Amino acid sequence: MAEPAAPESESGIRVSTLELFFDLVFVFTITQLTATLAEHITVGTLVDVLLMLFVIWWMYSGYAWLTNAVAPNSTTRRTLLLAGMAGFLVMALAIPEAFGEYGWLFGVSYLVVNLVHSALFLQAGPAAVTAMKRLAPLNILAALLVLAGGLLPEPWRHVCWVAAPLVQIAAGHLHRIEMHSIQAGHFVERHALVVIVAIGESIVAIGLGFSGVHLGLGEILVAVLGLCVAYYLWWIYFAGDDERSEHVLAGVQDPGRRARLALDAWGYAHFVMLAGIVVLAVGIKKTVGHAFEPLHWGEAIALSGGVALYQAGHALFLRMLGIGGWPHRVVAALVVLAAVPLGHVVAVAQLALIPVVMAAAAIAEDLPGARRAGNTEISSFGRTRD
């Protein structure tokens, strides 16, 4: 996903506003993927959405690693980054028909994104050029497979689409991982920002589902409960684990181990979390206007399954980093999945149970620490009086 450039300090680089602008363009792909899955909640559509999300996320991660090594601080670099943003935008527009009429457009845009990524890395000096000799051809091969999938008929279309992420996964292991150098502060902040923007974009996607819908009690309940679920998605990620994760990454001194951890925890685990955000947004959208009605099984599974995916992805993230709390995420994911039959009875009951489960898991995780803090405070007060 990424390439070298040796930062001199852990805190020297922070995320620029141009990178945040880039993230806003990228997150439009999340909106489009949500709309595509909401149109047809089937296993086939889910597979297509996950394939698109993986290849899109791979190159977003490539740009995150890129700006970690090459700051967009010149006109040439900013112009190239703008070209990459344009590729992401056109790609997002083509998503609804990426396996149909506009497959070629998605493929061409994706190839542009890859070529710009390679060109930008050439700005990072001789070490980056050496690294790109091995990684760039694999990334471009994956892009050509996506393009071929947009031009070929079935079953070759899906064969190419499945092959593309396999090539990308292999690329993460075939090049010299020890050549990568990661600025922990910038890297963690960049991924945290895209997560919060994606959660916010999911709220926008849900809000669009209210267009033309009469705002009664059921609709207001769905809106408020949807916001509560989004809040606990935020809580899971940002209630301290983001800071702890930065400390863990910064504490890994070996460049190869640090880069591998970055690839696994912020690459693969975050992919699962983003997939959960997409699926959850679909499930909540399907409750709009039907709060007191039963959901179809696919809709109820999407509602709980999205939260479960997010919890599972974050559990994997914490487990990879050796940070506690991941068992609470796993248990919460299983309990939320058990609520699927409730949605098949009445939608709002399932939607109401989900934030309750998430809150209970958060309280159960935080309670021991709060007790220890309280005992320490009492002990300190006692010593002061003595």
Protein backbone atom coordinates (compact mmCIF):
# COMPACT_ATOMS: atom_id res chain seq x y z
CA MET A 1 0.00 0.00 0.00
CA ALA A 2 2.74 2.38 0.79
CA GLU A 3 6.29 3.37 0.30
CA PRO A 4 9.32 4.74 2.06
CA ALA A 5 10.59 8.05 3.22
CA ALA A 6 12.21 8.33 6.56
CA PRO A 7 10.64 10.84 8.88
CA GLU A 8 12.94 12.34 11.46
CA SER A 9 10.41 12.67 14.25
CA GLU A 10 7.19 11.04 15.29
CA SER A 11 5.21 14.27 15.65
CA GLY A 12 6.62 16.36 12.83
CA ILE A 13 3.84 15.79 10.28
CA ARG A 14 0.12 16.32 10.84
CA VAL A 15 -2.76 15.97 8.40
CA SER A 16 -3.14 18.95 6.05
CA THR A 17 -6.43 20.52 5.00
CA LEU A 18 -5.77 19.31 1.45
CA GLU A 19 -5.63 15.74 2.72
CA LEU A 20 -8.93 16.27 4.54
CA PHE A 21 -10.37 17.63 1.28
CA PHE A 22 -9.14 14.46 -0.41
CA ASP A 23 -10.87 12.37 2.28
CA LEU A 24 -14.17 14.14 1.66
CA VAL A 25 -13.99 13.19 -2.01
CA PHE A 26 -13.09 9.61 -1.12
CA VAL A 27 -15.99 9.28 1.31
CA PHE A 28 -18.41 10.05 -1.53
CA THR A 29 -17.60 6.51 -2.66
CA ILE A 30 -19.05 5.30 0.67
CA THR A 31 -22.30 7.14 -0.09
CA GLN A 32 -22.47 5.58 -3.54
CA LEU A 33 -21.76 2.09 -2.25
CA THR A 34 -24.49 2.51 0.36
CA ALA A 35 -27.00 3.61 -2.28
CA THR A 36 -26.05 0.70 -4.54
CA LEU A 37 -26.57 -1.90 -1.81
CA ALA A 38 -29.79 -0.23 -0.63
CA GLU A 39 -31.20 -0.54 -4.14
CA HIS A 40 -30.81 -4.33 -4.13
CA ILE A 41 -30.13 -6.04 -0.80
CA THR A 42 -28.92 -9.38 -2.14
CA VAL A 43 -25.86 -11.53 -1.54
CA GLY A 44 -24.68 -10.82 -5.08
CA THR A 45 -24.90 -7.05 -4.64
CA LEU A 46 -23.17 -7.30 -1.27
CA VAL A 47 -20.28 -9.21 -2.85
CA ASP A 48 -19.99 -6.59 -5.61
CA VAL A 49 -20.04 -3.75 -3.06
CA LEU A 50 -17.35 -5.42 -0.95
CA LEU A 51 -15.16 -5.98 -4.02
CA MET A 52 -15.50 -2.32 -5.00
CA LEU A 53 -14.88 -1.16 -1.44
CA PHE A 54 -11.72 -3.25 -1.16
CA VAL A 55 -10.04 -1.96 -4.30
CA ILE A 56 -11.13 1.63 -3.52
CA TRP A 57 -9.91 1.37 0.07
CA TRP A 58 -6.61 -0.14 -1.06
CA MET A 59 -5.81 2.93 -3.14
CA TYR A 60 -7.13 5.34 -0.53
CA SER A 61 -4.69 3.69 1.87
CA GLY A 62 -2.00 4.04 -0.77
CA TYR A 63 -2.60 7.79 -0.82
CA ALA A 64 -2.59 7.92 2.98
CA TRP A 65 0.82 6.21 3.00
CA LEU A 66 1.86 8.51 0.17
CA THR A 67 1.18 11.77 1.99
CA ASN A 68 2.81 10.23 5.06
CA ALA A 69 6.01 10.11 2.99
CA VAL A 70 5.51 12.97 0.51
CA ALA A 71 3.86 16.10 1.87
CA PRO A 72 1.61 17.86 -0.71
CA ASN A 73 3.59 21.08 -0.29
CA SER A 74 4.35 22.07 -3.88
CA THR A 75 2.25 23.07 -6.88
CA THR A 76 3.24 19.91 -8.76
CA ARG A 77 2.31 17.62 -5.88
CA ARG A 78 -0.96 19.41 -5.18
CA THR A 79 -1.89 19.27 -8.87
CA LEU A 80 -1.18 15.55 -9.02
CA LEU A 81 -3.21 15.04 -5.84
CA LEU A 82 -6.08 16.94 -7.47
CA ALA A 83 -5.86 14.56 -10.44
CA GLY A 84 -6.11 11.64 -8.01
CA MET A 85 -9.15 13.25 -6.38
CA ALA A 86 -10.76 13.62 -9.81
CA GLY A 87 -10.18 9.92 -10.41
CA PHE A 88 -11.88 9.04 -7.12
CA LEU A 89 -14.82 11.34 -7.92
CA VAL A 90 -15.47 9.88 -11.38
CA MET A 91 -15.00 6.39 -9.98
CA ALA A 92 -17.64 7.12 -7.33
CA LEU A 93 -20.07 8.38 -9.97
CA ALA A 94 -19.63 5.11 -11.88
CA ILE A 95 -20.19 2.86 -8.84
CA PRO A 96 -23.91 2.13 -9.37
CA GLU A 97 -23.10 0.64 -12.83
CA ALA A 98 -19.54 -0.52 -12.16
CA PHE A 99 -20.62 -4.07 -12.99
CA GLY A 100 -22.70 -2.88 -15.90
CA GLU A 101 -22.79 0.02 -18.32
CA TYR A 102 -20.06 2.12 -16.69
CA GLY A 103 -17.62 -0.62 -15.80
CA TRP A 104 -15.15 0.79 -18.31
CA LEU A 105 -15.43 4.26 -16.74
CA PHE A 106 -14.81 2.90 -13.26
CA GLY A 107 -11.80 0.99 -14.60
CA VAL A 108 -10.29 3.96 -16.44
CA SER A 109 -10.74 6.20 -13.38
CA TYR A 110 -9.18 3.58 -11.15
CA LEU A 111 -6.20 3.29 -13.49
CA VAL A 112 -5.76 7.08 -13.35
CA VAL A 113 -5.80 6.95 -9.55
CA ASN A 114 -3.05 4.31 -9.64
CA LEU A 115 -0.89 6.14 -12.18
CA VAL A 116 -1.11 9.40 -10.24
CA HIS A 117 -0.19 7.54 -7.05
CA SER A 118 2.93 6.13 -8.71
CA ALA A 119 3.86 9.50 -10.21
CA LEU A 120 3.57 11.22 -6.84
CA PHE A 121 5.82 8.68 -5.18
CA LEU A 122 8.53 9.49 -7.69
CA GLN A 123 8.68 12.88 -5.93
CA ALA A 124 9.98 11.20 -2.77
CA GLY A 125 13.52 10.56 -3.97
CA PRO A 126 15.68 7.57 -4.93
CA ALA A 127 14.42 5.25 -2.17
CA ALA A 128 10.83 5.69 -3.33
CA VAL A 129 11.81 5.05 -6.95
CA THR A 130 13.41 1.78 -5.88
CA ALA A 131 10.32 0.75 -3.94
CA MET A 132 7.94 1.65 -6.75
CA LYS A 133 9.81 -0.61 -9.17
CA ARG A 134 8.29 -3.52 -7.30
CA LEU A 135 4.98 -2.16 -6.01
CA ALA A 136 3.77 0.08 -8.85
CA PRO A 137 3.57 -2.75 -11.45
CA LEU A 138 1.45 -4.83 -9.05
CA ASN A 139 -0.88 -1.92 -8.29
CA ILE A 140 -1.23 -1.15 -12.00
CA LEU A 141 -1.83 -4.83 -12.77
CA ALA A 142 -4.72 -4.79 -10.27
CA ALA A 143 -6.07 -1.62 -11.93
CA LEU A 144 -5.87 -3.24 -15.37
CA LEU A 145 -7.78 -6.25 -14.02
CA VAL A 146 -10.52 -3.89 -12.77
CA LEU A 147 -10.58 -2.22 -16.19
CA ALA A 148 -10.73 -5.61 -17.94
CA GLY A 149 -13.62 -6.54 -15.65
CA GLY A 150 -15.44 -3.46 -16.89
CA LEU A 151 -15.01 -4.50 -20.50
CA LEU A 152 -15.46 -8.28 -20.43
CA PRO A 153 -18.73 -10.24 -20.20
CA GLU A 154 -19.58 -12.62 -17.39
CA PRO A 155 -18.14 -14.80 -15.94
CA TRP A 156 -14.81 -13.16 -16.84
CA ARG A 157 -15.97 -9.85 -15.39
CA HIS A 158 -16.16 -11.23 -11.88
CA VAL A 159 -13.04 -13.34 -12.38
CA CYS A 160 -11.09 -10.15 -13.05
CA TRP A 161 -12.74 -8.32 -10.16
CA VAL A 162 -11.86 -11.12 -7.72
CA ALA A 163 -8.31 -11.34 -9.07
CA ALA A 164 -7.67 -7.60 -8.53
CA PRO A 165 -7.86 -7.60 -4.71
CA LEU A 166 -5.90 -10.87 -4.62
CA VAL A 167 -3.09 -9.16 -6.51
CA GLN A 168 -3.26 -6.23 -4.09
CA ILE A 169 -3.10 -8.49 -1.05
CA ALA A 170 -0.12 -10.27 -2.60
CA ALA A 171 1.51 -6.90 -3.29
CA GLY A 172 1.43 -6.19 0.44
CA HIS A 173 3.69 -9.22 0.96
CA LEU A 174 5.83 -9.35 -2.18
CA HIS A 175 7.68 -6.07 -1.81
CA ARG A 176 10.22 -5.24 0.87
CA ILE A 177 8.10 -4.13 3.79
CA GLU A 178 11.19 -2.98 5.72
CA MET A 179 11.67 -0.16 3.18
CA HIS A 180 8.54 1.54 4.46
CA SER A 181 8.76 4.25 7.08
CA ILE A 182 5.67 5.41 8.96
CA GLN A 183 5.08 8.70 10.80
CA ALA A 184 2.77 7.36 13.52
CA GLY A 185 1.06 10.64 14.42
CA HIS A 186 0.16 11.57 10.85
CA PHE A 187 -0.77 8.02 9.88
CA VAL A 188 -3.14 7.42 12.79
CA GLU A 189 -4.73 10.87 12.51
CA ARG A 190 -5.35 10.42 8.77
CA HIS A 191 -7.20 7.14 9.25
CA ALA A 192 -9.13 8.44 12.27
CA LEU A 193 -10.35 11.38 10.20
CA VAL A 194 -11.60 9.17 7.39
CA VAL A 195 -13.49 7.01 9.90
CA ILE A 196 -15.27 9.99 11.47
CA VAL A 197 -16.05 11.45 8.04
CA ALA A 198 -17.43 8.07 6.92
CA ILE A 199 -19.65 7.87 10.01
CA GLY A 200 -20.88 11.39 9.30
CA GLU A 201 -21.50 10.54 5.68
CA SER A 202 -23.59 7.57 6.77
CA ILE A 203 -25.81 10.00 8.68
CA VAL A 204 -26.18 12.04 5.48
CA ALA A 205 -27.05 8.89 3.54
CA ILE A 206 -29.70 8.00 6.12
CA GLY A 207 -31.05 11.55 6.04
CA LEU A 208 -31.51 11.34 2.28
CA GLY A 209 -33.87 8.44 2.91
CA PHE A 210 -36.27 10.86 4.64
CA SER A 211 -36.82 12.83 1.43
CA GLY A 212 -40.55 12.98 0.79
CA VAL A 213 -41.36 11.00 3.94
CA HIS A 214 -43.97 12.32 6.41
CA LEU A 215 -42.32 13.04 9.76
CA GLY A 216 -44.36 11.17 12.30
CA LEU A 217 -43.43 9.53 15.59
CA GLY A 218 -41.89 6.52 13.86
CA GLU A 219 -39.72 8.62 11.58
CA ILE A 220 -38.46 10.78 14.43
CA LEU A 221 -37.64 7.66 16.48
CA VAL A 222 -35.68 6.20 13.56
CA ALA A 223 -33.74 9.44 13.11
CA VAL A 224 -32.84 9.75 16.81
CA LEU A 225 -32.00 6.07 17.21
CA GLY A 226 -29.90 6.17 14.04
CA LEU A 227 -27.97 9.08 15.52
CA CYS A 228 -27.49 7.12 18.76
CA VAL A 229 -26.04 4.17 16.84
CA ALA A 230 -23.69 6.51 14.97
CA TYR A 231 -22.64 8.04 18.29
CA TYR A 232 -21.62 4.65 19.63
CA LEU A 233 -19.72 3.92 16.43
CA TRP A 234 -17.80 7.09 17.25
CA TRP A 235 -17.44 6.10 20.90
CA ILE A 236 -16.00 2.68 20.06
CA TYR A 237 -13.23 4.19 17.97
CA PHE A 238 -12.53 7.55 19.59
CA ALA A 239 -12.97 7.02 23.34
CA GLY A 240 -9.21 6.66 23.83
CA ASP A 241 -8.33 3.72 21.61
CA ASP A 242 -7.24 6.07 18.81
CA GLU A 243 -4.65 7.66 21.11
CA ARG A 244 -3.54 4.28 22.46
CA SER A 245 -3.14 2.96 18.94
CA GLU A 246 -0.83 5.86 18.04
CA HIS A 247 1.34 5.10 21.07
CA VAL A 248 1.55 1.43 20.08
CA LEU A 249 2.50 2.22 16.48
CA ALA A 250 5.06 4.83 17.53
CA GLY A 251 6.54 2.35 20.00
CA VAL A 252 7.42 -0.17 17.29
CA GLN A 253 11.00 0.67 16.40
CA ASP A 254 11.65 -1.89 13.69
CA PRO A 255 10.57 -0.32 10.33
CA GLY A 256 9.44 -3.65 8.91
CA ARG A 257 7.31 -4.56 11.91
CA ARG A 258 5.84 -1.06 12.06
CA ALA A 259 4.90 -1.10 8.37
CA ARG A 260 3.39 -4.59 8.66
CA LEU A 261 1.33 -3.51 11.66
CA ALA A 262 0.17 -0.42 9.78
CA LEU A 263 -0.88 -2.54 6.81
CA ASP A 264 -2.75 -5.11 8.89
CA ALA A 265 -4.40 -2.91 11.53
CA TRP A 266 -5.11 0.25 9.54
CA GLY A 267 -5.53 -1.50 6.19
CA TYR A 268 -7.43 -4.75 6.60
CA ALA A 269 -9.14 -4.13 9.96
CA HIS A 270 -10.32 -0.69 8.85
CA PHE A 271 -11.73 -2.21 5.67
CA VAL A 272 -14.01 -4.36 7.85
CA MET A 273 -15.10 -1.30 9.83
CA LEU A 274 -15.91 0.69 6.69
CA ALA A 275 -17.86 -2.26 5.31
CA GLY A 276 -19.85 -2.23 8.54
CA ILE A 277 -20.64 1.48 8.14
CA VAL A 278 -21.93 0.88 4.61
CA VAL A 279 -24.11 -2.09 5.58
CA LEU A 280 -25.46 -0.39 8.70
CA ALA A 281 -26.47 2.74 6.76
CA VAL A 282 -28.44 0.52 4.39
CA GLY A 283 -30.22 -1.19 7.29
CA ILE A 284 -31.21 2.10 8.94
CA LYS A 285 -32.38 3.58 5.63
CA LYS A 286 -34.71 0.63 5.21
CA THR A 287 -36.40 1.37 8.54
CA VAL A 288 -37.34 4.91 7.43
CA GLY A 289 -41.10 5.01 6.91
CA HIS A 290 -41.48 1.48 8.30
CA ALA A 291 -40.61 1.92 11.97
CA PHE A 292 -43.59 -0.02 13.30
CA GLU A 293 -43.57 -2.62 10.55
CA PRO A 294 -41.55 -5.83 10.21
CA LEU A 295 -38.35 -5.69 8.19
CA HIS A 296 -37.53 -8.20 5.51
CA TRP A 297 -34.84 -10.62 6.61
CA GLY A 298 -32.21 -9.00 4.40
CA GLU A 299 -32.95 -5.56 5.85
CA ALA A 300 -32.88 -6.82 9.44
CA ILE A 301 -29.60 -8.64 8.79
CA ALA A 302 -28.12 -5.46 7.30
CA LEU A 303 -29.18 -3.43 10.36
CA SER A 304 -27.52 -5.73 12.89
CA GLY A 305 -24.87 -7.05 10.54
CA GLY A 306 -23.45 -3.60 9.86
CA VAL A 307 -22.92 -2.93 13.57
CA ALA A 308 -21.51 -6.44 14.05
CA LEU A 309 -19.03 -5.92 11.19
CA TYR A 310 -17.88 -2.62 12.65
CA GLN A 311 -17.48 -4.15 16.11
CA ALA A 312 -15.63 -7.14 14.68
CA GLY A 313 -13.33 -4.90 12.64
CA HIS A 314 -12.48 -2.81 15.68
CA ALA A 315 -11.96 -5.93 17.77
CA LEU A 316 -9.51 -7.16 15.15
CA PHE A 317 -7.82 -3.75 15.18
CA LEU A 318 -7.37 -3.81 18.96
CA ARG A 319 -6.24 -7.44 18.95
CA MET A 320 -3.56 -6.74 16.35
CA LEU A 321 -2.26 -3.84 18.43
CA GLY A 322 -2.38 -5.73 21.71
CA ILE A 323 -4.86 -3.26 23.21
CA GLY A 324 -7.50 -4.52 25.63
CA GLY A 325 -11.23 -4.25 25.08
CA TRP A 326 -11.57 -6.43 22.01
CA PRO A 327 -13.58 -9.18 23.79
CA HIS A 328 -16.27 -6.59 24.61
CA ARG A 329 -16.53 -5.79 20.90
CA VAL A 330 -16.93 -9.46 19.99
CA VAL A 331 -19.63 -10.06 22.60
CA ALA A 332 -21.51 -6.92 21.56
CA ALA A 333 -21.34 -8.03 17.91
CA LEU A 334 -22.83 -11.43 18.76
CA VAL A 335 -25.63 -9.93 20.88
CA VAL A 336 -26.49 -7.41 18.16
CA LEU A 337 -26.69 -10.23 15.61
CA ALA A 338 -29.06 -12.09 17.93
CA ALA A 339 -31.46 -9.12 17.60
CA VAL A 340 -32.12 -9.84 13.90
CA PRO A 341 -35.38 -11.78 14.54
CA LEU A 342 -36.67 -8.81 16.56
CA GLY A 343 -36.48 -6.63 13.46
CA HIS A 344 -38.51 -9.17 11.56
CA VAL A 345 -41.27 -8.49 14.11
CA VAL A 346 -41.01 -4.68 14.33
CA ALA A 347 -38.19 -2.57 12.91
CA VAL A 348 -37.92 0.06 15.63
CA ALA A 349 -37.51 -2.57 18.35
CA GLN A 350 -34.36 -3.93 16.73
CA LEU A 351 -33.06 -0.42 16.06
CA ALA A 352 -33.69 0.58 19.69
CA LEU A 353 -31.94 -2.49 21.09
CA ILE A 354 -28.72 -1.93 19.15
CA PRO A 355 -27.55 1.29 20.92
CA VAL A 356 -28.57 -0.24 24.26
CA VAL A 357 -26.26 -3.20 23.61
CA MET A 358 -23.47 -0.90 22.43
CA ALA A 359 -23.84 1.32 25.52
CA ALA A 360 -23.85 -1.70 27.83
CA ALA A 361 -20.65 -3.02 26.24
CA ALA A 362 -18.98 0.41 26.59
CA ILE A 363 -20.01 0.68 30.26
CA ALA A 364 -18.84 -2.89 30.99
CA GLU A 365 -15.47 -2.08 29.42
CA ASP A 366 -15.02 1.24 31.26
CA LEU A 367 -16.35 0.18 34.68
CA PRO A 368 -13.19 -1.57 35.99
CA GLY A 369 -11.06 1.45 35.09
CA ALA A 370 -13.55 3.81 36.74
CA ARG A 371 -13.52 1.70 39.90
CA ARG A 372 -9.72 1.70 40.00
CA ALA A 373 -9.68 5.46 39.51
CA GLY A 374 -12.25 5.90 42.28
CA ASN A 375 -10.30 3.68 44.69
CA THR A 376 -7.11 5.59 43.92
CA GLU A 377 -8.85 8.89 44.60
CA ILE A 378 -10.26 7.63 47.89
CA SER A 379 -6.88 6.28 48.91
CA SER A 380 -5.18 9.57 48.06
CA PHE A 381 -7.80 11.50 50.05
CA GLY A 382 -7.22 9.23 53.04
CA ARG A 383 -3.46 9.75 52.94
CA THR A 384 -3.99 13.53 52.69
CA ARG A 385 -6.15 13.54 55.85
CA ASP A 386 -3.63 11.45 57.70
